[in-house]
Amino acid sequence: MKLIALLAIALLVVSAASSWAAGPPDRQVAITVDDLPAGAADRMSGAAIDEMTSKLVGTLRERRVPAVGFVNASKLFKWGEVDERIRALQIWLDNGFELGNHTYSHASLNRVGIKAWEDDVIQGEPILNQLLAEHHMKLRYLRHPYLDTGKDLQTRREAEAFLSARGYTVAPVTLDAWDWMYAPVYDDAKKRGDMALQQKLVSSYLSYSDAVFAYCEQLSIKTTGSEVMQILLLHGNQLEADHIGELLDVLRKRGYRFITLKDALNDPAYGMPDTYVGEEGTGWLDHWAITQGKPPQGAPVFPQWVADRAQHLQPHSQ
């Protein structure tokens, strides 16, 4: 019996060693960036937005990471700064990236209702169509503000039919580490020159992101039977401009390769039954789990100290 037990232990050790030597699984993720030209556009000059955009886009280009940026066109129209703000979008396009519609004013389908939301989608199109046409591209993606896809199934299906008729593909989200909550706290710390707080925030953000990625990988297996081609939600902010390279490193260490949004959407999982509706938007892994009658549990808890600071600085935004 002792010999059998020793053999079993030896087999476990060999198996674990083999898994370790093989490295992390081959994973794939598409990067998307919301709230362009900048999440805090109302508090930034056009020149500051351009500088931030150049830094963010520069890192993505250097790392050869494809991305789609989603635009709130209302943020472009600030008196005396329209050209500079539009230049931020041109930086994305000139560097080979794609732009999608995030509605004109970041309107929530759940709050404004279907007709007003449809009008907001349409209002966001003219400038995007013009800029994309200059780069021989067409507008094809829409990202729901707040991930609000409809608080009842009829509204959701009406919105989907409207988008389909206008040639849109909805850009889902499966990974979201709430960088929008970290962003105002980071901006404030940077403005005040508080390096210690900046470093603490970045460390927390990267650690929380890593935990979210691990959780979502397991949730994907539970809901789809495998790890899907993930779609990561980020935002146009100074935190990402300064530190997206470190976030990309976290993803690479987890075995991720970076793919286009178009390629990610080829995963059959995105055609799974999805009847999720609710007052609050959420990611598509949650959509599928709830549709299956298995509400997800055990998600990483967002750091309360960051949430408290963010709420003190600005209202909810995503």
Protein backbone atom coordinates (compact mmCIF):
# COMPACT_ATOMS: atom_id res chain seq x y z
CA MET A 1 0.00 0.00 0.00
CA LYS A 2 2.86 2.36 0.84
CA LEU A 3 4.43 1.66 -2.55
CA ILE A 4 1.15 2.45 -4.35
CA ALA A 5 0.78 5.69 -2.41
CA LEU A 6 4.35 6.70 -3.24
CA LEU A 7 3.75 5.97 -6.93
CA ALA A 8 0.57 8.06 -6.91
CA ILE A 9 2.40 10.99 -5.35
CA ALA A 10 5.20 10.65 -7.89
CA LEU A 11 2.68 10.74 -10.75
CA LEU A 12 1.09 13.89 -9.34
CA VAL A 13 4.49 15.58 -9.07
CA VAL A 14 5.40 14.64 -12.65
CA SER A 15 2.02 15.89 -13.89
CA ALA A 16 2.37 19.18 -12.06
CA ALA A 17 5.92 19.62 -13.33
CA SER A 18 4.80 18.93 -16.90
CA SER A 19 1.99 21.50 -16.62
CA TRP A 20 4.40 24.06 -15.22
CA ALA A 21 6.94 23.42 -18.00
CA ALA A 22 4.24 23.78 -20.65
CA GLY A 23 3.49 27.30 -19.46
CA PRO A 24 0.10 29.04 -19.35
CA PRO A 25 -2.70 28.07 -21.75
CA ASP A 26 -2.94 29.66 -25.20
CA ARG A 27 -5.48 32.43 -24.64
CA GLN A 28 -6.73 35.20 -26.91
CA VAL A 29 -8.10 38.67 -26.17
CA ALA A 30 -9.29 41.69 -28.14
CA ILE A 31 -8.67 45.17 -26.69
CA THR A 32 -11.40 47.81 -26.80
CA VAL A 33 -11.21 51.37 -25.43
CA ASP A 34 -14.37 53.34 -24.60
CA ASP A 35 -15.26 57.01 -24.02
CA LEU A 36 -13.03 58.55 -26.70
CA PRO A 37 -11.64 61.08 -27.14
CA ALA A 38 -11.26 60.87 -23.33
CA GLY A 39 -13.35 59.82 -20.37
CA ALA A 40 -12.55 63.10 -18.59
CA ALA A 41 -12.83 65.22 -21.75
CA ASP A 42 -14.89 67.85 -19.92
CA ARG A 43 -11.95 68.48 -17.57
CA MET A 44 -9.16 68.32 -20.16
CA SER A 45 -7.88 70.68 -22.82
CA GLY A 46 -7.74 69.54 -26.42
CA ALA A 47 -3.94 69.59 -26.26
CA ALA A 48 -3.94 67.39 -23.14
CA ILE A 49 -6.29 64.91 -24.83
CA ASP A 50 -4.01 64.71 -27.86
CA GLU A 51 -0.96 64.14 -25.66
CA MET A 52 -2.72 61.42 -23.69
CA THR A 53 -4.01 59.78 -26.88
CA SER A 54 -0.56 59.77 -28.50
CA LYS A 55 0.91 58.03 -25.46
CA LEU A 56 -1.84 55.38 -25.25
CA VAL A 57 -1.91 54.68 -28.98
CA GLY A 58 1.87 54.70 -29.14
CA THR A 59 2.13 51.85 -26.65
CA LEU A 60 -0.49 49.80 -28.47
CA ARG A 61 1.30 50.36 -31.78
CA GLU A 62 4.74 49.51 -30.35
CA ARG A 63 3.37 46.31 -28.81
CA ARG A 64 1.54 45.48 -32.06
CA VAL A 65 -1.74 45.15 -30.20
CA PRO A 66 -4.88 45.70 -32.33
CA ALA A 67 -7.65 47.75 -30.74
CA VAL A 68 -10.98 49.41 -31.43
CA GLY A 69 -11.78 52.77 -29.83
CA PHE A 70 -15.41 53.73 -29.12
CA VAL A 71 -16.36 57.39 -29.46
CA ASN A 72 -18.80 59.72 -27.72
CA ALA A 73 -18.97 62.38 -30.42
CA SER A 74 -20.46 65.02 -28.10
CA LYS A 75 -17.05 65.28 -26.39
CA LEU A 76 -15.53 66.61 -29.61
CA PHE A 77 -17.56 69.78 -29.73
CA LYS A 78 -16.00 72.18 -27.26
CA TRP A 79 -15.75 75.78 -28.41
CA GLY A 80 -12.28 76.60 -29.69
CA GLU A 81 -11.02 73.03 -29.38
CA VAL A 82 -12.95 71.04 -31.98
CA ASP A 83 -9.97 70.58 -34.29
CA GLU A 84 -7.70 69.37 -31.48
CA ARG A 85 -10.27 66.93 -30.18
CA ILE A 86 -10.95 65.52 -33.63
CA ARG A 87 -7.18 65.19 -34.03
CA ALA A 88 -7.22 62.70 -31.14
CA LEU A 89 -9.46 60.43 -33.20
CA GLN A 90 -7.25 60.92 -36.24
CA ILE A 91 -4.31 59.72 -34.15
CA TRP A 92 -6.16 56.44 -33.63
CA LEU A 93 -6.93 56.07 -37.32
CA ASP A 94 -3.52 57.23 -38.59
CA ASN A 95 -1.91 54.48 -36.49
CA GLY A 96 -4.05 51.77 -38.05
CA PHE A 97 -6.70 51.39 -35.36
CA GLU A 98 -10.48 51.31 -35.81
CA LEU A 99 -13.22 53.47 -34.29
CA GLY A 100 -16.75 52.50 -33.29
CA ASN A 101 -19.85 54.31 -32.02
CA HIS A 102 -20.45 54.65 -28.26
CA THR A 103 -23.50 56.91 -28.89
CA TYR A 104 -23.29 60.68 -29.15
CA SER A 105 -23.70 61.56 -25.47
CA HIS A 106 -23.05 58.23 -23.68
CA ALA A 107 -26.79 57.67 -23.29
CA SER A 108 -28.00 54.64 -21.35
CA LEU A 109 -30.64 52.59 -23.16
CA ASN A 110 -32.04 51.61 -19.76
CA ARG A 111 -32.54 55.21 -18.68
CA VAL A 112 -33.53 57.25 -21.74
CA GLY A 113 -35.70 54.68 -23.53
CA ILE A 114 -35.49 53.18 -26.98
CA LYS A 115 -36.44 56.20 -29.16
CA ALA A 116 -34.12 58.71 -27.47
CA TRP A 117 -31.34 56.11 -27.46
CA GLU A 118 -31.77 55.40 -31.16
CA ASP A 119 -31.54 59.14 -31.85
CA ASP A 120 -28.34 59.31 -29.80
CA VAL A 121 -26.81 56.46 -31.78
CA ILE A 122 -27.63 58.20 -35.07
CA GLN A 123 -26.33 61.56 -33.84
CA GLY A 124 -22.97 59.96 -33.16
CA GLU A 125 -22.54 58.72 -36.72
CA PRO A 126 -21.76 61.71 -39.04
CA ILE A 127 -18.29 62.61 -37.75
CA LEU A 128 -17.32 58.94 -37.44
CA ASN A 129 -18.49 58.14 -40.96
CA GLN A 130 -16.48 61.07 -42.28
CA LEU A 131 -13.26 60.19 -40.43
CA LEU A 132 -13.49 56.49 -41.24
CA ALA A 133 -14.19 57.18 -44.93
CA GLU A 134 -10.99 59.22 -45.11
CA HIS A 135 -9.17 56.02 -44.11
CA HIS A 136 -11.23 53.81 -46.45
CA MET A 137 -13.10 52.25 -43.54
CA LYS A 138 -16.77 51.92 -42.60
CA LEU A 139 -18.50 52.26 -39.24
CA ARG A 140 -19.43 48.77 -38.07
CA TYR A 141 -19.26 48.44 -34.26
CA LEU A 142 -21.33 49.84 -31.41
CA ARG A 143 -20.63 49.57 -27.69
CA HIS A 144 -23.55 50.11 -25.28
CA PRO A 145 -22.81 52.85 -22.71
CA TYR A 146 -22.73 51.38 -19.20
CA LEU A 147 -23.19 47.99 -20.97
CA ASP A 148 -26.93 48.70 -20.68
CA THR A 149 -28.57 46.53 -23.33
CA GLY A 150 -32.19 46.97 -22.18
CA LYS A 151 -34.05 46.53 -18.93
CA ASP A 152 -36.70 44.34 -20.56
CA LEU A 153 -36.45 41.81 -23.37
CA GLN A 154 -38.72 43.72 -25.77
CA THR A 155 -36.51 46.83 -25.53
CA ARG A 156 -33.38 44.76 -25.97
CA ARG A 157 -34.70 43.03 -29.08
CA GLU A 158 -35.92 46.35 -30.55
CA ALA A 159 -32.48 47.85 -30.01
CA GLU A 160 -30.79 44.85 -31.61
CA ALA A 161 -33.07 45.05 -34.66
CA PHE A 162 -32.41 48.79 -34.97
CA LEU A 163 -28.64 48.28 -34.82
CA SER A 164 -28.71 45.41 -37.28
CA ALA A 165 -30.70 47.50 -39.75
CA ARG A 166 -28.04 50.23 -39.56
CA GLY A 167 -25.24 47.73 -40.18
CA TYR A 168 -23.86 47.55 -36.64
CA THR A 169 -22.33 44.66 -34.76
CA VAL A 170 -22.60 45.01 -30.99
CA ALA A 171 -19.21 44.86 -29.25
CA PRO A 172 -19.64 42.59 -26.21
CA VAL A 173 -17.42 42.64 -23.12
CA THR A 174 -16.12 39.63 -21.19
CA LEU A 175 -13.25 41.19 -19.20
CA ASP A 176 -13.71 44.42 -17.22
CA ALA A 177 -11.51 45.50 -14.30
CA TRP A 178 -13.25 48.85 -13.81
CA ASP A 179 -10.36 51.11 -14.82
CA TRP A 180 -12.95 53.90 -15.04
CA MET A 181 -13.24 53.76 -11.23
CA TYR A 182 -9.49 53.99 -10.72
CA ALA A 183 -9.10 56.77 -13.31
CA PRO A 184 -10.37 59.85 -11.40
CA VAL A 185 -8.40 58.89 -8.29
CA TYR A 186 -5.27 58.47 -10.40
CA ASP A 187 -5.89 61.81 -12.17
CA ASP A 188 -6.26 63.58 -8.84
CA ALA A 189 -3.12 61.99 -7.41
CA LYS A 190 -1.16 62.93 -10.53
CA LYS A 191 -2.44 66.50 -10.44
CA ARG A 192 -1.31 66.83 -6.82
CA GLY A 193 2.04 65.13 -7.48
CA ASP A 194 1.26 62.33 -5.02
CA MET A 195 3.62 59.65 -6.36
CA ALA A 196 3.00 57.26 -3.47
CA LEU A 197 -0.74 57.19 -4.14
CA GLN A 198 -0.18 56.83 -7.89
CA GLN A 199 2.02 53.79 -7.31
CA LYS A 200 -0.46 52.31 -4.85
CA LEU A 201 -3.29 52.75 -7.36
CA VAL A 202 -1.36 51.18 -10.23
CA SER A 203 -0.36 48.22 -8.06
CA SER A 204 -3.97 47.76 -6.95
CA TYR A 205 -5.30 48.08 -10.51
CA LEU A 206 -2.91 45.49 -11.92
CA SER A 207 -3.54 43.09 -9.03
CA TYR A 208 -7.32 43.48 -9.27
CA SER A 209 -7.18 43.06 -13.06
CA ASP A 210 -5.21 39.83 -12.69
CA ALA A 211 -7.81 38.50 -10.23
CA VAL A 212 -10.66 39.47 -12.56
CA PHE A 213 -8.99 37.74 -15.50
CA ALA A 214 -8.54 34.54 -13.48
CA TYR A 215 -12.15 34.62 -12.32
CA CYS A 216 -13.49 35.24 -15.85
CA GLU A 217 -11.42 32.42 -17.30
CA GLN A 218 -13.04 29.99 -14.86
CA LEU A 219 -16.51 31.48 -15.39
CA SER A 220 -16.06 31.06 -19.13
CA ILE A 221 -15.31 27.36 -18.69
CA LYS A 222 -18.37 26.94 -16.45
CA THR A 223 -20.74 28.69 -18.87
CA THR A 224 -19.37 27.75 -22.31
CA GLY A 225 -17.27 24.66 -21.67
CA SER A 226 -14.02 26.38 -22.65
CA GLU A 227 -12.21 29.69 -22.42
CA VAL A 228 -13.74 32.05 -24.97
CA MET A 229 -11.85 34.55 -27.07
CA GLN A 230 -12.08 37.34 -24.54
CA ILE A 231 -12.95 41.01 -25.17
CA LEU A 232 -11.42 43.47 -22.69
CA LEU A 233 -13.08 46.78 -21.84
CA LEU A 234 -10.75 49.70 -21.14
CA HIS A 235 -11.31 53.46 -21.24
CA GLY A 236 -9.54 56.47 -22.67
CA ASN A 237 -7.87 57.86 -19.56
CA GLN A 238 -4.49 58.88 -18.18
CA LEU A 239 -4.14 55.69 -16.16
CA GLU A 240 -4.18 53.61 -19.33
CA ALA A 241 -1.99 56.09 -21.22
CA ASP A 242 0.67 55.81 -18.50
CA HIS A 243 0.36 52.11 -17.62
CA ILE A 244 -1.36 50.08 -20.34
CA GLY A 245 1.99 48.45 -21.11
CA GLU A 246 2.03 46.93 -17.63
CA LEU A 247 -1.55 45.70 -18.08
CA LEU A 248 -0.58 44.08 -21.38
CA ASP A 249 2.27 42.36 -19.53
CA VAL A 250 -0.23 40.94 -17.02
CA LEU A 251 -2.25 39.53 -19.91
CA ARG A 252 0.82 38.08 -21.64
CA LYS A 253 1.89 36.35 -18.42
CA ARG A 254 -1.52 34.70 -18.33
CA GLY A 255 -0.87 33.33 -21.83
CA TYR A 256 -2.90 35.81 -23.87
CA ARG A 257 -2.27 36.67 -27.52
CA PHE A 258 -3.82 39.87 -28.84
CA ILE A 259 -6.35 39.54 -31.65
CA THR A 260 -8.79 41.81 -33.47
CA LEU A 261 -12.34 42.34 -32.28
CA LYS A 262 -13.52 40.80 -35.56
CA ASP A 263 -11.53 37.63 -34.87
CA ALA A 264 -12.76 37.43 -31.28
CA LEU A 265 -16.37 37.58 -32.45
CA ASN A 266 -15.78 34.50 -34.59
CA ASP A 267 -15.86 32.48 -31.36
CA PRO A 268 -19.16 30.50 -31.45
CA ALA A 269 -19.77 31.48 -27.82
CA TYR A 270 -20.96 34.91 -28.96
CA GLY A 271 -23.88 33.20 -30.65
CA MET A 272 -25.04 31.49 -27.46
CA PRO A 273 -28.57 32.13 -26.13
CA ASP A 274 -28.63 35.47 -24.33
CA THR A 275 -31.80 36.75 -22.70
CA TYR A 276 -30.16 38.88 -20.03
CA VAL A 277 -32.03 42.04 -19.07
CA GLY A 278 -31.72 44.22 -16.02
CA GLU A 279 -31.40 47.70 -14.57
CA GLU A 280 -27.60 47.41 -14.48
CA GLY A 281 -25.42 46.47 -17.42
CA THR A 282 -22.88 43.67 -17.07
CA GLY A 283 -20.52 41.55 -19.14
CA TRP A 284 -21.47 38.77 -21.50
CA LEU A 285 -20.12 35.96 -19.34
CA ASP A 286 -22.70 37.08 -16.78
CA HIS A 287 -25.31 37.28 -19.57
CA TRP A 288 -24.76 33.65 -20.51
CA ALA A 289 -24.58 32.36 -16.95
CA ILE A 290 -27.82 34.12 -15.95
CA THR A 291 -29.53 32.95 -19.15
CA GLN A 292 -28.60 29.39 -18.12
CA GLY A 293 -30.12 29.96 -14.68
CA LYS A 294 -26.71 29.89 -12.99
CA PRO A 295 -26.02 33.40 -11.64
CA PRO A 296 -22.24 33.75 -11.19
CA GLN A 297 -20.74 33.88 -7.72
CA GLY A 298 -17.35 34.57 -6.22
CA ALA A 299 -16.25 37.54 -8.33
CA PRO A 300 -13.28 39.49 -6.94
CA VAL A 301 -14.34 42.31 -4.64
CA PHE A 302 -13.41 45.76 -5.93
CA PRO A 303 -11.11 47.60 -3.48
CA GLN A 304 -13.41 49.68 -1.29
CA TRP A 305 -10.82 52.36 -0.61
CA VAL A 306 -10.59 53.10 -4.34
CA ALA A 307 -14.37 53.18 -4.73
CA ASP A 308 -14.71 55.57 -1.80
CA ARG A 309 -12.14 57.97 -3.24
CA ALA A 310 -13.66 57.79 -6.72
CA GLN A 311 -17.18 58.46 -5.49
CA HIS A 312 -15.90 61.47 -3.61
CA LEU A 313 -14.33 62.87 -6.78
CA GLN A 314 -16.99 62.25 -9.41
CA PRO A 315 -20.35 60.53 -10.04
CA HIS A 316 -20.72 57.06 -11.55
CA SER A 317 -19.50 56.79 -15.11
CA GLN A 318 -18.57 53.87 -17.35
